[in-house]
């Protein structure tokens, strides 16, 4: 774990669909708000747009650990079986607004001709703005990380099987 990494969390779930039918970027960039909300009680809203440079962007709004987050996930790798998104996410806390860097990686690999293993991997790292935000409040980074990790890990663990089920539904519609 790097010095300013907040969390590195990865969970897997089975998708009952052949890998040929799965298209993670298509799923991500057409995910309805209702479908996103159904994947976690913490999910508030979702949409998609483009970044200033024209790359696809998924906008997700959720509450983790009591803080509202607005995530601006820009596609950095978009293959049918592997999607990597990066975000400088806005975090709204009771003591103000700040940002975190988040890397969200979704991938599938075949188990057999009819099933796949889905991996939902989330890594977050403090921005310089975030480090200053903690410093102004006298909060040591290690204390923040120790409190944040269980909430972020629990969130990822909870949403992973629901994301897998949603990707499965999308694959079987095709």
N, C-alpha and C. Protein backbone atom coordinates (compact mmCIF):
# COMPACT_ATOMS: atom_id res chain seq x y z
N UNK A 1 0.85 -1.18 0.00
CA UNK A 1 0.00 0.00 0.00
C UNK A 1 0.89 1.23 0.00
N UNK A 2 0.63 2.16 -0.92
CA UNK A 2 1.42 3.38 -0.97
C UNK A 2 1.10 4.27 0.23
N UNK A 3 1.94 5.22 0.46
CA UNK A 3 1.82 6.08 1.63
C UNK A 3 0.46 6.75 1.75
N UNK A 4 -0.09 7.19 0.62
CA UNK A 4 -1.37 7.91 0.67
C UNK A 4 -2.53 7.15 0.04
N UNK A 5 -2.38 5.84 -0.09
CA UNK A 5 -3.49 5.02 -0.54
C UNK A 5 -4.48 4.85 0.60
N UNK A 6 -5.74 5.06 0.30
CA UNK A 6 -6.78 4.94 1.31
C UNK A 6 -7.28 3.50 1.36
N UNK A 7 -7.60 2.95 0.21
CA UNK A 7 -8.14 1.58 0.16
C UNK A 7 -7.75 0.92 -1.15
N UNK A 8 -7.57 -0.38 -1.08
CA UNK A 8 -7.38 -1.24 -2.25
C UNK A 8 -8.25 -2.45 -2.00
N UNK A 9 -9.38 -2.52 -2.68
CA UNK A 9 -10.41 -3.50 -2.37
C UNK A 9 -10.84 -4.21 -3.65
N UNK A 10 -10.89 -5.53 -3.60
CA UNK A 10 -11.27 -6.31 -4.77
C UNK A 10 -12.15 -7.48 -4.33
N UNK A 11 -13.28 -7.64 -5.05
CA UNK A 11 -14.19 -8.74 -4.79
C UNK A 11 -14.63 -9.35 -6.11
N UNK A 12 -15.04 -10.61 -6.06
CA UNK A 12 -15.47 -11.31 -7.26
C UNK A 12 -16.86 -11.89 -7.07
N UNK A 13 -17.50 -12.16 -8.20
CA UNK A 13 -18.80 -12.81 -8.23
C UNK A 13 -18.93 -13.54 -9.57
N UNK A 14 -19.79 -14.52 -9.61
CA UNK A 14 -20.00 -15.30 -10.83
C UNK A 14 -21.07 -14.65 -11.69
N UNK A 15 -20.81 -14.63 -12.99
CA UNK A 15 -21.79 -14.20 -13.99
C UNK A 15 -22.16 -15.43 -14.80
N UNK A 16 -23.44 -15.74 -14.85
CA UNK A 16 -23.92 -16.91 -15.59
C UNK A 16 -24.27 -16.52 -17.02
N UNK A 17 -23.21 -16.21 -17.76
CA UNK A 17 -23.33 -15.86 -19.17
C UNK A 17 -21.97 -16.13 -19.81
N UNK A 18 -21.97 -16.52 -21.08
CA UNK A 18 -20.69 -16.74 -21.76
C UNK A 18 -19.96 -15.41 -21.97
N UNK A 19 -18.64 -15.47 -21.95
CA UNK A 19 -17.85 -14.25 -22.05
C UNK A 19 -18.12 -13.51 -23.36
N UNK A 20 -18.47 -14.22 -24.41
CA UNK A 20 -18.74 -13.59 -25.71
C UNK A 20 -19.91 -12.61 -25.65
N UNK A 21 -20.81 -12.80 -24.69
CA UNK A 21 -21.99 -11.94 -24.59
C UNK A 21 -21.78 -10.74 -23.66
N UNK A 22 -20.66 -10.71 -22.95
CA UNK A 22 -20.41 -9.65 -21.97
C UNK A 22 -19.68 -8.49 -22.61
N UNK A 23 -20.15 -7.29 -22.32
CA UNK A 23 -19.50 -6.06 -22.79
C UNK A 23 -19.58 -5.06 -21.64
N UNK A 24 -18.55 -5.03 -20.81
CA UNK A 24 -18.58 -4.19 -19.61
C UNK A 24 -18.70 -2.70 -19.94
N UNK A 25 -17.92 -2.15 -20.90
CA UNK A 25 -18.10 -0.72 -21.20
C UNK A 25 -19.52 -0.39 -21.67
N UNK A 26 -20.09 -1.25 -22.51
CA UNK A 26 -21.47 -1.00 -22.98
C UNK A 26 -22.42 -0.98 -21.78
N UNK A 27 -22.25 -1.94 -20.86
CA UNK A 27 -23.08 -1.98 -19.65
C UNK A 27 -22.89 -0.70 -18.85
N UNK A 28 -21.65 -0.34 -18.59
CA UNK A 28 -21.36 0.82 -17.73
C UNK A 28 -21.91 2.12 -18.30
N UNK A 29 -21.73 2.31 -19.59
CA UNK A 29 -22.11 3.59 -20.19
C UNK A 29 -23.55 3.61 -20.70
N UNK A 30 -24.33 2.61 -20.28
CA UNK A 30 -25.77 2.65 -20.56
C UNK A 30 -26.56 2.24 -19.32
N UNK A 31 -25.89 2.14 -18.18
CA UNK A 31 -26.53 1.73 -16.93
C UNK A 31 -27.58 2.76 -16.51
N UNK A 32 -28.79 2.30 -16.33
CA UNK A 32 -29.84 3.22 -15.90
C UNK A 32 -29.65 3.60 -14.44
N UNK A 33 -30.19 4.73 -14.08
CA UNK A 33 -30.10 5.17 -12.69
C UNK A 33 -30.74 4.15 -11.75
N UNK A 34 -31.88 3.61 -12.13
CA UNK A 34 -32.59 2.62 -11.30
C UNK A 34 -31.73 1.37 -11.11
N UNK A 35 -31.13 0.91 -12.19
CA UNK A 35 -30.28 -0.28 -12.11
C UNK A 35 -29.08 0.00 -11.19
N UNK A 36 -28.48 1.18 -11.30
CA UNK A 36 -27.37 1.56 -10.42
C UNK A 36 -27.84 1.60 -8.96
N UNK A 37 -28.97 2.20 -8.70
CA UNK A 37 -29.50 2.30 -7.34
C UNK A 37 -29.79 0.92 -6.76
N UNK A 38 -30.23 -0.01 -7.60
CA UNK A 38 -30.54 -1.36 -7.14
C UNK A 38 -29.28 -2.15 -6.74
N UNK A 39 -28.11 -1.67 -7.11
CA UNK A 39 -26.87 -2.38 -6.79
C UNK A 39 -26.33 -2.05 -5.41
N UNK A 40 -26.86 -1.02 -4.75
CA UNK A 40 -26.42 -0.68 -3.39
C UNK A 40 -27.37 0.34 -2.78
N UNK A 41 -27.69 0.21 -1.48
CA UNK A 41 -28.50 1.24 -0.84
C UNK A 41 -27.76 2.58 -0.74
N UNK A 42 -26.45 2.58 -0.94
CA UNK A 42 -25.67 3.81 -0.89
C UNK A 42 -25.69 4.58 -2.21
N UNK A 43 -26.16 3.94 -3.29
CA UNK A 43 -26.16 4.57 -4.61
C UNK A 43 -27.35 5.52 -4.75
N UNK A 44 -27.05 6.74 -5.17
CA UNK A 44 -28.09 7.77 -5.29
C UNK A 44 -28.45 8.04 -6.75
N UNK A 45 -27.44 8.25 -7.59
CA UNK A 45 -27.70 8.61 -8.98
C UNK A 45 -26.54 8.18 -9.86
N UNK A 46 -26.85 7.98 -11.15
CA UNK A 46 -25.82 7.63 -12.12
C UNK A 46 -26.20 8.21 -13.47
N UNK A 47 -25.21 8.48 -14.25
CA UNK A 47 -25.41 8.97 -15.61
C UNK A 47 -24.11 8.83 -16.37
N UNK A 48 -24.13 9.23 -17.61
CA UNK A 48 -22.92 9.15 -18.41
C UNK A 48 -22.86 10.35 -19.34
N UNK A 49 -21.64 10.75 -19.66
CA UNK A 49 -21.39 11.91 -20.50
C UNK A 49 -20.01 11.72 -21.11
N UNK A 50 -19.40 12.80 -21.54
CA UNK A 50 -18.02 12.74 -22.04
C UNK A 50 -17.16 13.73 -21.27
N UNK A 51 -15.90 13.38 -21.13
CA UNK A 51 -14.92 14.27 -20.51
C UNK A 51 -14.58 15.37 -21.51
N UNK A 52 -13.93 16.44 -21.07
CA UNK A 52 -13.56 17.51 -21.99
C UNK A 52 -12.74 17.04 -23.20
N UNK A 53 -11.98 15.96 -23.03
CA UNK A 53 -11.17 15.45 -24.14
C UNK A 53 -11.92 14.45 -25.01
N UNK A 54 -13.22 14.25 -24.75
CA UNK A 54 -14.05 13.38 -25.57
C UNK A 54 -14.17 11.95 -25.10
N UNK A 55 -13.39 11.54 -24.09
CA UNK A 55 -13.50 10.18 -23.60
C UNK A 55 -14.82 10.00 -22.84
N UNK A 56 -15.31 8.76 -22.83
CA UNK A 56 -16.55 8.47 -22.12
C UNK A 56 -16.35 8.65 -20.62
N UNK A 57 -17.43 9.09 -19.95
CA UNK A 57 -17.38 9.33 -18.52
C UNK A 57 -18.68 8.83 -17.88
N UNK A 58 -18.52 8.11 -16.78
CA UNK A 58 -19.65 7.68 -15.96
C UNK A 58 -19.69 8.56 -14.72
N UNK A 59 -20.83 9.14 -14.44
CA UNK A 59 -21.00 9.97 -13.25
C UNK A 59 -21.81 9.16 -12.24
N UNK A 60 -21.23 8.94 -11.06
CA UNK A 60 -21.92 8.19 -10.01
C UNK A 60 -21.98 9.05 -8.75
N UNK A 61 -23.13 9.01 -8.09
CA UNK A 61 -23.32 9.73 -6.83
C UNK A 61 -23.71 8.69 -5.79
N UNK A 62 -22.97 8.70 -4.68
CA UNK A 62 -23.25 7.75 -3.62
C UNK A 62 -22.79 8.32 -2.28
N UNK A 63 -23.23 7.66 -1.21
CA UNK A 63 -22.81 8.05 0.13
C UNK A 63 -22.02 6.88 0.71
N UNK A 64 -20.77 7.15 1.07
CA UNK A 64 -19.94 6.13 1.71
C UNK A 64 -19.42 6.72 3.02
N UNK A 65 -19.66 6.02 4.09
CA UNK A 65 -19.18 6.47 5.39
C UNK A 65 -19.74 7.81 5.81
N UNK A 66 -20.95 8.11 5.38
CA UNK A 66 -21.60 9.36 5.76
C UNK A 66 -21.21 10.55 4.90
N UNK A 67 -20.36 10.35 3.90
CA UNK A 67 -19.94 11.45 3.02
C UNK A 67 -20.52 11.25 1.63
N UNK A 68 -21.10 12.32 1.10
CA UNK A 68 -21.61 12.31 -0.26
C UNK A 68 -20.44 12.36 -1.22
N UNK A 69 -20.44 11.48 -2.21
CA UNK A 69 -19.38 11.45 -3.22
C UNK A 69 -19.99 11.63 -4.61
N UNK A 70 -19.35 12.47 -5.40
CA UNK A 70 -19.70 12.62 -6.81
C UNK A 70 -18.46 12.17 -7.58
N UNK A 71 -18.61 11.04 -8.28
CA UNK A 71 -17.48 10.43 -8.97
C UNK A 71 -17.58 10.71 -10.46
N UNK A 72 -16.47 11.13 -11.04
CA UNK A 72 -16.39 11.49 -12.46
C UNK A 72 -15.46 10.47 -13.13
N UNK A 73 -15.96 9.28 -13.38
CA UNK A 73 -15.13 8.19 -13.88
C UNK A 73 -14.89 8.30 -15.38
N UNK A 74 -13.64 8.58 -15.75
CA UNK A 74 -13.25 8.71 -17.15
C UNK A 74 -12.61 7.40 -17.59
N UNK A 75 -13.05 6.92 -18.74
CA UNK A 75 -12.55 5.65 -19.28
C UNK A 75 -11.08 5.79 -19.70
N UNK A 76 -10.24 4.91 -19.15
CA UNK A 76 -8.83 4.87 -19.57
C UNK A 76 -8.51 3.58 -20.32
N UNK A 77 -9.34 2.54 -20.14
CA UNK A 77 -9.22 1.30 -20.92
C UNK A 77 -10.64 0.78 -21.10
N UNK A 78 -11.01 0.50 -22.32
CA UNK A 78 -12.37 0.02 -22.59
C UNK A 78 -12.37 -1.18 -23.51
N UNK A 79 -12.22 -2.36 -22.94
CA UNK A 79 -12.33 -3.60 -23.69
C UNK A 79 -13.57 -4.33 -23.20
N UNK A 80 -14.15 -5.17 -24.03
CA UNK A 80 -15.40 -5.84 -23.64
C UNK A 80 -15.28 -6.55 -22.30
N UNK A 81 -14.10 -7.12 -22.02
CA UNK A 81 -13.92 -7.88 -20.79
C UNK A 81 -13.14 -7.14 -19.71
N UNK A 82 -12.82 -5.87 -19.96
CA UNK A 82 -11.98 -5.13 -19.01
C UNK A 82 -12.19 -3.63 -19.18
N UNK A 83 -12.60 -2.98 -18.11
CA UNK A 83 -12.84 -1.55 -18.12
C UNK A 83 -12.10 -0.91 -16.96
N UNK A 84 -11.32 0.11 -17.26
CA UNK A 84 -10.65 0.88 -16.21
C UNK A 84 -11.12 2.32 -16.31
N UNK A 85 -11.55 2.84 -15.15
CA UNK A 85 -12.06 4.20 -15.05
C UNK A 85 -11.28 4.92 -13.96
N UNK A 86 -10.97 6.20 -14.20
CA UNK A 86 -10.28 7.01 -13.21
C UNK A 86 -11.11 8.25 -12.90
N UNK A 87 -11.10 8.64 -11.62
CA UNK A 87 -11.90 9.78 -11.20
C UNK A 87 -11.15 10.61 -10.16
N UNK A 88 -11.25 11.92 -10.30
CA UNK A 88 -10.97 12.81 -9.18
C UNK A 88 -12.35 13.12 -8.64
N UNK A 89 -12.70 12.43 -7.56
CA UNK A 89 -14.06 12.47 -7.03
C UNK A 89 -14.22 13.55 -5.98
N UNK A 90 -15.35 14.24 -6.07
CA UNK A 90 -15.70 15.24 -5.06
C UNK A 90 -16.31 14.54 -3.86
N UNK A 91 -15.86 14.95 -2.67
CA UNK A 91 -16.40 14.41 -1.42
C UNK A 91 -16.92 15.57 -0.60
N UNK A 92 -18.17 15.45 -0.19
CA UNK A 92 -18.80 16.48 0.63
C UNK A 92 -18.95 15.91 2.04
N UNK A 93 -18.24 16.51 2.99
CA UNK A 93 -18.25 16.04 4.38
C UNK A 93 -18.89 17.12 5.25
N UNK A 94 -19.18 16.80 6.50
CA UNK A 94 -19.72 17.81 7.41
C UNK A 94 -18.75 18.99 7.62
N UNK A 95 -17.46 18.77 7.34
CA UNK A 95 -16.48 19.85 7.56
C UNK A 95 -16.00 20.48 6.26
N UNK A 96 -16.63 20.15 5.12
CA UNK A 96 -16.28 20.79 3.86
C UNK A 96 -16.13 19.83 2.71
N UNK A 97 -15.71 20.40 1.59
CA UNK A 97 -15.59 19.66 0.33
C UNK A 97 -14.12 19.42 0.02
N UNK A 98 -13.83 18.24 -0.53
CA UNK A 98 -12.47 17.90 -0.92
C UNK A 98 -12.52 16.88 -2.05
N UNK A 99 -11.38 16.29 -2.41
CA UNK A 99 -11.34 15.33 -3.50
C UNK A 99 -10.48 14.11 -3.14
N UNK A 100 -10.78 13.00 -3.81
CA UNK A 100 -9.98 11.77 -3.73
C UNK A 100 -9.77 11.25 -5.15
N UNK A 101 -8.62 10.65 -5.40
CA UNK A 101 -8.40 9.94 -6.66
C UNK A 101 -8.93 8.52 -6.51
N UNK A 102 -9.72 8.07 -7.47
CA UNK A 102 -10.25 6.72 -7.41
C UNK A 102 -10.01 6.03 -8.75
N UNK A 103 -9.52 4.81 -8.68
CA UNK A 103 -9.35 3.96 -9.85
C UNK A 103 -10.33 2.81 -9.69
N UNK A 104 -11.24 2.65 -10.65
CA UNK A 104 -12.25 1.61 -10.62
C UNK A 104 -12.00 0.69 -11.80
N UNK A 105 -11.76 -0.57 -11.52
CA UNK A 105 -11.44 -1.54 -12.55
C UNK A 105 -12.43 -2.70 -12.49
N UNK A 106 -13.08 -2.96 -13.60
CA UNK A 106 -14.05 -4.05 -13.71
C UNK A 106 -13.54 -5.01 -14.78
N UNK A 107 -13.55 -6.29 -14.49
CA UNK A 107 -13.08 -7.26 -15.47
C UNK A 107 -13.83 -8.58 -15.32
N UNK A 108 -13.80 -9.35 -16.39
CA UNK A 108 -14.36 -10.69 -16.38
C UNK A 108 -13.36 -11.64 -17.02
N UNK A 109 -13.39 -12.87 -16.55
CA UNK A 109 -12.60 -13.93 -17.16
C UNK A 109 -13.48 -15.17 -17.22
N UNK A 110 -13.33 -15.95 -18.28
CA UNK A 110 -14.18 -17.14 -18.39
C UNK A 110 -13.81 -18.18 -17.35
N UNK A 111 -14.83 -18.81 -16.80
CA UNK A 111 -14.65 -19.98 -15.94
C UNK A 111 -14.82 -21.22 -16.81
N UNK A 112 -15.87 -21.20 -17.61
CA UNK A 112 -16.14 -22.25 -18.59
C UNK A 112 -16.94 -21.61 -19.72
N UNK A 113 -17.55 -22.40 -20.59
CA UNK A 113 -18.24 -21.84 -21.76
C UNK A 113 -19.53 -21.09 -21.41
N UNK A 114 -20.03 -21.24 -20.16
CA UNK A 114 -21.29 -20.61 -19.79
C UNK A 114 -21.19 -19.64 -18.62
N UNK A 115 -20.06 -19.58 -17.95
CA UNK A 115 -19.93 -18.71 -16.78
C UNK A 115 -18.60 -17.96 -16.79
N UNK A 116 -18.61 -16.84 -16.08
CA UNK A 116 -17.43 -15.99 -15.95
C UNK A 116 -17.27 -15.56 -14.51
N UNK A 117 -16.06 -15.15 -14.19
CA UNK A 117 -15.80 -14.54 -12.89
C UNK A 117 -15.65 -13.04 -13.11
N UNK A 118 -16.45 -12.28 -12.41
CA UNK A 118 -16.42 -10.82 -12.45
C UNK A 118 -15.58 -10.32 -11.28
N UNK A 119 -14.71 -9.37 -11.54
CA UNK A 119 -13.91 -8.74 -10.48
C UNK A 119 -14.20 -7.25 -10.46
N UNK A 120 -14.51 -6.75 -9.27
CA UNK A 120 -14.77 -5.33 -9.02
C UNK A 120 -13.63 -4.84 -8.11
N UNK A 121 -12.71 -4.08 -8.68
CA UNK A 121 -11.51 -3.65 -7.96
C UNK A 121 -11.52 -2.12 -7.84
N UNK A 122 -11.46 -1.63 -6.62
CA UNK A 122 -11.49 -0.19 -6.36
C UNK A 122 -10.26 0.19 -5.54
N UNK A 123 -9.56 1.21 -6.02
CA UNK A 123 -8.42 1.76 -5.28
C UNK A 123 -8.61 3.26 -5.15
N UNK A 124 -8.38 3.76 -3.97
CA UNK A 124 -8.47 5.21 -3.78
C UNK A 124 -7.18 5.72 -3.14
N UNK A 125 -6.85 6.96 -3.50
CA UNK A 125 -5.62 7.58 -3.03
C UNK A 125 -5.91 9.05 -2.74
N UNK A 126 -5.31 9.56 -1.70
CA UNK A 126 -5.52 10.96 -1.33
C UNK A 126 -4.90 11.90 -2.36
N UNK A 127 -5.63 12.93 -2.70
CA UNK A 127 -5.08 14.02 -3.50
C UNK A 127 -4.32 14.95 -2.56
N UNK A 128 -3.53 15.86 -3.12
CA UNK A 128 -2.86 16.88 -2.29
C UNK A 128 -3.91 17.71 -1.56
N UNK A 129 -5.01 18.02 -2.26
CA UNK A 129 -6.10 18.77 -1.65
C UNK A 129 -6.66 18.03 -0.43
N UNK A 130 -6.80 16.72 -0.56
CA UNK A 130 -7.33 15.93 0.54
C UNK A 130 -6.38 15.92 1.73
N UNK A 131 -5.08 15.77 1.45
CA UNK A 131 -4.09 15.77 2.53
C UNK A 131 -4.13 17.11 3.28
N UNK A 132 -4.24 18.22 2.55
CA UNK A 132 -4.35 19.55 3.17
C UNK A 132 -5.64 19.65 3.99
N UNK A 133 -6.72 19.09 3.47
CA UNK A 133 -8.01 19.09 4.14
C UNK A 133 -7.90 18.41 5.51
N UNK A 134 -7.24 17.24 5.55
CA UNK A 134 -7.05 16.55 6.82
C UNK A 134 -6.12 17.34 7.75
N UNK A 135 -5.04 17.89 7.19
CA UNK A 135 -4.08 18.65 7.99
C UNK A 135 -4.75 19.85 8.68
N UNK A 136 -5.61 20.55 7.94
CA UNK A 136 -6.29 21.73 8.52
C UNK A 136 -7.17 21.35 9.71
N UNK A 137 -7.61 20.09 9.74
CA UNK A 137 -8.46 19.62 10.83
C UNK A 137 -7.67 18.86 11.90
N UNK A 138 -6.38 18.71 11.68
CA UNK A 138 -5.55 17.99 12.65
C UNK A 138 -5.82 16.50 12.68
N UNK A 139 -6.25 15.94 11.55
CA UNK A 139 -6.55 14.51 11.47
C UNK A 139 -5.37 13.80 10.81
N UNK A 140 -4.70 12.92 11.53
CA UNK A 140 -3.61 12.15 10.92
C UNK A 140 -4.16 11.24 9.81
N UNK A 141 -3.41 11.16 8.71
CA UNK A 141 -3.87 10.36 7.57
C UNK A 141 -4.12 8.91 7.97
N UNK A 142 -3.23 8.33 8.77
CA UNK A 142 -3.39 6.93 9.17
C UNK A 142 -4.69 6.69 9.94
N UNK A 143 -5.10 7.67 10.74
CA UNK A 143 -6.36 7.55 11.47
C UNK A 143 -7.54 7.59 10.50
N UNK A 144 -7.49 8.55 9.56
CA UNK A 144 -8.55 8.62 8.55
C UNK A 144 -8.63 7.31 7.78
N UNK A 145 -7.49 6.82 7.31
CA UNK A 145 -7.46 5.58 6.52
C UNK A 145 -8.05 4.41 7.32
N UNK A 146 -7.67 4.29 8.57
CA UNK A 146 -8.17 3.18 9.40
C UNK A 146 -9.68 3.24 9.57
N UNK A 147 -10.24 4.44 9.62
CA UNK A 147 -11.70 4.59 9.76
C UNK A 147 -12.42 4.40 8.43
N UNK A 148 -11.80 4.84 7.34
CA UNK A 148 -12.45 4.79 6.03
C UNK A 148 -12.43 3.40 5.40
N UNK A 149 -11.34 2.67 5.59
CA UNK A 149 -11.20 1.38 4.92
C UNK A 149 -12.36 0.42 5.16
N UNK A 150 -12.78 0.18 6.39
CA UNK A 150 -13.88 -0.79 6.58
C UNK A 150 -15.16 -0.41 5.85
N UNK A 151 -15.46 0.89 5.79
CA UNK A 151 -16.68 1.34 5.11
C UNK A 151 -16.57 1.14 3.60
N UNK A 152 -15.42 1.51 3.04
CA UNK A 152 -15.22 1.37 1.60
C UNK A 152 -15.19 -0.09 1.18
N UNK A 153 -14.52 -0.92 1.96
CA UNK A 153 -14.44 -2.34 1.66
C UNK A 153 -15.83 -2.98 1.75
N UNK A 154 -16.58 -2.66 2.78
CA UNK A 154 -17.94 -3.20 2.93
C UNK A 154 -18.82 -2.77 1.75
N UNK A 155 -18.67 -1.53 1.32
CA UNK A 155 -19.46 -1.03 0.18
C UNK A 155 -19.13 -1.84 -1.08
N UNK A 156 -17.85 -2.01 -1.37
CA UNK A 156 -17.44 -2.76 -2.55
C UNK A 156 -17.91 -4.21 -2.48
N UNK A 157 -17.76 -4.82 -1.33
CA UNK A 157 -18.20 -6.21 -1.15
C UNK A 157 -19.70 -6.35 -1.39
N UNK A 158 -20.46 -5.38 -0.91
CA UNK A 158 -21.91 -5.42 -1.06
C UNK A 158 -22.39 -5.20 -2.48
N UNK A 159 -21.74 -4.30 -3.22
CA UNK A 159 -22.21 -3.98 -4.57
C UNK A 159 -21.74 -4.98 -5.62
N UNK A 160 -20.64 -5.69 -5.37
CA UNK A 160 -20.07 -6.57 -6.39
C UNK A 160 -21.04 -7.63 -6.91
N UNK A 161 -21.75 -8.39 -6.07
CA UNK A 161 -22.66 -9.38 -6.65
C UNK A 161 -23.84 -8.75 -7.41
N UNK A 162 -24.24 -7.55 -7.00
CA UNK A 162 -25.33 -6.88 -7.71
C UNK A 162 -24.86 -6.33 -9.06
N UNK A 163 -23.62 -5.82 -9.12
CA UNK A 163 -23.06 -5.42 -10.42
C UNK A 163 -22.97 -6.65 -11.33
N UNK A 164 -22.49 -7.77 -10.79
CA UNK A 164 -22.37 -8.99 -11.59
C UNK A 164 -23.74 -9.41 -12.14
N UNK A 165 -24.76 -9.37 -11.30
CA UNK A 165 -26.12 -9.74 -11.74
C UNK A 165 -26.63 -8.78 -12.81
N UNK A 166 -26.31 -7.50 -12.68
CA UNK A 166 -26.73 -6.51 -13.67
C UNK A 166 -26.02 -6.74 -15.00
N UNK A 167 -24.72 -7.02 -14.94
CA UNK A 167 -23.95 -7.31 -16.17
C UNK A 167 -24.49 -8.59 -16.81
N UNK A 168 -24.83 -9.56 -16.00
CA UNK A 168 -25.42 -10.81 -16.52
C UNK A 168 -26.73 -10.54 -17.25
N UNK A 169 -27.60 -9.75 -16.65
CA UNK A 169 -28.88 -9.42 -17.30
C UNK A 169 -28.62 -8.73 -18.65
N UNK A 170 -27.69 -7.78 -18.65
CA UNK A 170 -27.38 -7.06 -19.89
C UNK A 170 -26.83 -8.03 -20.96
N UNK A 171 -25.97 -8.95 -20.54
CA UNK A 171 -25.39 -9.90 -21.48
C UNK A 171 -26.45 -10.82 -22.08
N UNK A 172 -27.38 -11.25 -21.26
CA UNK A 172 -28.40 -12.20 -21.72
C UNK A 172 -29.48 -11.52 -22.56
N UNK A 173 -29.57 -10.19 -22.49
CA UNK A 173 -30.52 -9.44 -23.35
C UNK A 173 -29.98 -9.37 -24.77
N UNK A 174 -28.67 -9.45 -24.91
CA UNK A 174 -28.04 -9.30 -26.25
C UNK A 174 -28.16 -10.56 -27.07
